[in-house]
Amino acid sequence: MEKPRTENVESGNSPSPSEILSFVLHQDNLMWNRLQTMGVVQIGALGAAYGLRPICWLSISVLVLAFVLTILFFFLIKRDELMRTKIENQLSQFSYHVPRVWYAPIKGREETWIITIGLLATDIIIGVAVGLRLIP
């Protein structure tokens, strides 16, 4: 097993730009992995809620659990975003930001809001439909 690098911490030196950029990319990967996990949790919950629709309280309980987990994942994603923004300020000498264009008008940070709100709205709509027995 490889020993983790700690020479910068031990010697008091600040990290190099490549180490900072590596950390930013790591945080970016974490954010997208958490967003994918949120989607998988939602898919499983919606499938379970549909399968359990004859038992109304259990179906709604699954959706409530998915709602809570989605909010927790969203807060983790926002924490990653804050950490990444703080570190990106140290990389002001690099200009790797891409301007918005007509075929890509939304940034990934904005997409997380849209995706999360959409998933939470789906939980609420399916929960109401199950509760009112609107799903055959």
Protein backbone atom coordinates (compact mmCIF):
# COMPACT_ATOMS: atom_id res chain seq x y z
CA MET A 1 0.00 0.00 0.00
CA GLU A 2 1.36 3.40 -0.96
CA LYS A 3 2.09 5.93 1.76
CA PRO A 4 0.15 9.20 1.28
CA ARG A 5 2.17 12.29 0.40
CA THR A 6 2.39 14.66 3.33
CA GLU A 7 5.59 16.59 2.69
CA ASN A 8 3.75 19.86 1.99
CA VAL A 9 1.87 19.63 5.26
CA GLU A 10 4.93 18.67 7.26
CA SER A 11 7.25 21.29 5.76
CA GLY A 12 4.69 24.10 5.79
CA ASN A 13 4.97 24.69 2.03
CA SER A 14 1.88 25.66 0.13
CA PRO A 15 0.66 23.14 -2.45
CA SER A 16 1.77 23.48 -6.05
CA PRO A 17 -0.69 24.59 -8.75
CA SER A 18 -0.83 21.04 -10.14
CA GLU A 19 -1.81 19.70 -6.71
CA ILE A 20 -4.47 22.36 -6.36
CA LEU A 21 -5.85 21.63 -9.83
CA SER A 22 -5.82 17.92 -9.05
CA PHE A 23 -7.89 18.61 -5.92
CA VAL A 24 -10.37 20.73 -7.91
CA LEU A 25 -10.81 17.92 -10.43
CA HIS A 26 -11.25 15.43 -7.59
CA GLN A 27 -13.98 17.61 -6.06
CA ASP A 28 -15.64 17.91 -9.47
CA ASN A 29 -15.66 14.13 -9.85
CA LEU A 30 -17.13 13.79 -6.36
CA MET A 31 -19.93 16.18 -7.26
CA TRP A 32 -20.90 14.30 -10.40
CA ASN A 33 -20.64 10.92 -8.67
CA ARG A 34 -22.96 12.15 -5.95
CA LEU A 35 -25.39 13.46 -8.55
CA GLN A 36 -25.39 10.04 -10.23
CA THR A 37 -25.95 8.35 -6.88
CA MET A 38 -28.87 10.69 -6.24
CA GLY A 39 -30.38 9.62 -9.56
CA VAL A 40 -29.94 5.93 -8.77
CA VAL A 41 -31.59 6.38 -5.35
CA GLN A 42 -34.50 8.18 -7.00
CA ILE A 43 -34.92 5.52 -9.71
CA GLY A 44 -34.96 2.79 -7.06
CA ALA A 45 -37.40 4.71 -4.89
CA LEU A 46 -39.78 5.44 -7.75
CA GLY A 47 -39.71 1.78 -8.81
CA ALA A 48 -40.29 0.64 -5.23
CA ALA A 49 -43.10 3.15 -4.73
CA TYR A 50 -44.81 1.93 -7.88
CA GLY A 51 -44.37 -1.72 -6.89
CA LEU A 52 -45.67 -1.05 -3.37
CA ARG A 53 -48.59 1.16 -4.46
CA PRO A 54 -51.22 -1.26 -3.05
CA ILE A 55 -49.69 -0.63 0.40
CA CYS A 56 -50.13 3.13 0.38
CA TRP A 57 -48.29 4.01 3.60
CA LEU A 58 -45.24 1.94 2.66
CA SER A 59 -45.09 3.41 -0.84
CA ILE A 60 -45.25 6.96 0.52
CA SER A 61 -42.64 6.09 3.18
CA VAL A 62 -40.21 5.03 0.45
CA LEU A 63 -40.79 8.33 -1.36
CA VAL A 64 -40.27 10.33 1.84
CA LEU A 65 -36.99 8.50 2.44
CA ALA A 66 -35.89 9.23 -1.14
CA PHE A 67 -36.86 12.89 -0.67
CA VAL A 68 -34.71 13.16 2.47
CA LEU A 69 -31.76 11.35 0.88
CA THR A 70 -31.98 13.59 -2.18
CA ILE A 71 -31.80 16.69 0.00
CA LEU A 72 -28.80 15.26 1.88
CA PHE A 73 -27.01 14.47 -1.39
CA PHE A 74 -27.79 17.97 -2.64
CA PHE A 75 -26.23 19.52 0.47
CA LEU A 76 -23.12 17.37 -0.04
CA ILE A 77 -22.92 18.54 -3.64
CA LYS A 78 -23.20 22.18 -2.55
CA ARG A 79 -20.46 21.63 0.05
CA ASP A 80 -18.21 20.23 -2.69
CA GLU A 81 -19.03 23.28 -4.79
CA LEU A 82 -18.02 25.64 -1.98
CA MET A 83 -14.74 23.81 -1.47
CA ARG A 84 -14.04 23.83 -5.20
CA THR A 85 -14.81 27.55 -5.49
CA LYS A 86 -12.50 28.35 -2.59
CA ILE A 87 -9.65 26.38 -4.16
CA GLU A 88 -10.32 27.77 -7.67
CA ASN A 89 -9.61 31.25 -6.32
CA GLN A 90 -6.03 30.12 -5.71
CA LEU A 91 -5.75 29.19 -9.40
CA SER A 92 -6.45 32.66 -10.75
CA GLN A 93 -3.36 32.47 -12.98
CA PHE A 94 -5.05 29.72 -15.03
CA SER A 95 -7.97 30.55 -17.27
CA TYR A 96 -9.71 27.25 -17.97
CA HIS A 97 -13.29 28.50 -17.82
CA VAL A 98 -15.32 28.07 -20.98
CA PRO A 99 -17.75 30.84 -21.93
CA ARG A 100 -21.44 30.04 -22.27
CA VAL A 101 -22.66 29.33 -25.77
CA TRP A 102 -26.13 28.85 -27.20
CA TYR A 103 -25.91 25.03 -27.24
CA ALA A 104 -24.59 24.86 -23.65
CA PRO A 105 -26.26 27.75 -21.80
CA ILE A 106 -26.27 26.16 -18.34
CA LYS A 107 -23.31 25.44 -16.06
CA GLY A 108 -23.06 22.18 -14.14
CA ARG A 109 -23.58 24.02 -10.86
CA GLU A 110 -26.90 25.31 -12.16
CA GLU A 111 -27.88 21.89 -13.51
CA THR A 112 -27.66 20.41 -10.01
CA TRP A 113 -30.43 22.78 -8.90
CA ILE A 114 -32.64 21.86 -11.87
CA ILE A 115 -32.08 18.12 -11.48
CA THR A 116 -32.65 18.17 -7.72
CA ILE A 117 -35.83 20.23 -7.94
CA GLY A 118 -37.10 17.93 -10.70
CA LEU A 119 -36.43 14.82 -8.62
CA LEU A 120 -38.05 16.27 -5.51
CA ALA A 121 -41.09 17.38 -7.53
CA THR A 122 -41.38 13.87 -8.97
CA ASP A 123 -41.37 12.40 -5.44
CA ILE A 124 -44.14 14.76 -4.38
CA ILE A 125 -46.26 14.17 -7.49
CA ILE A 126 -45.94 10.37 -7.32
CA GLY A 127 -46.58 10.45 -3.56
CA VAL A 128 -49.79 12.42 -4.05
CA ALA A 129 -50.85 10.12 -6.90
CA VAL A 130 -50.24 7.03 -4.77
CA GLY A 131 -52.01 8.59 -1.77
CA LEU A 132 -55.07 9.48 -3.86
CA ARG A 133 -54.94 6.08 -5.60
CA LEU A 134 -54.63 7.68 -9.03
CA ILE A 135 -52.07 5.11 -10.23
CA PRO A 136 -53.76 1.86 -11.34
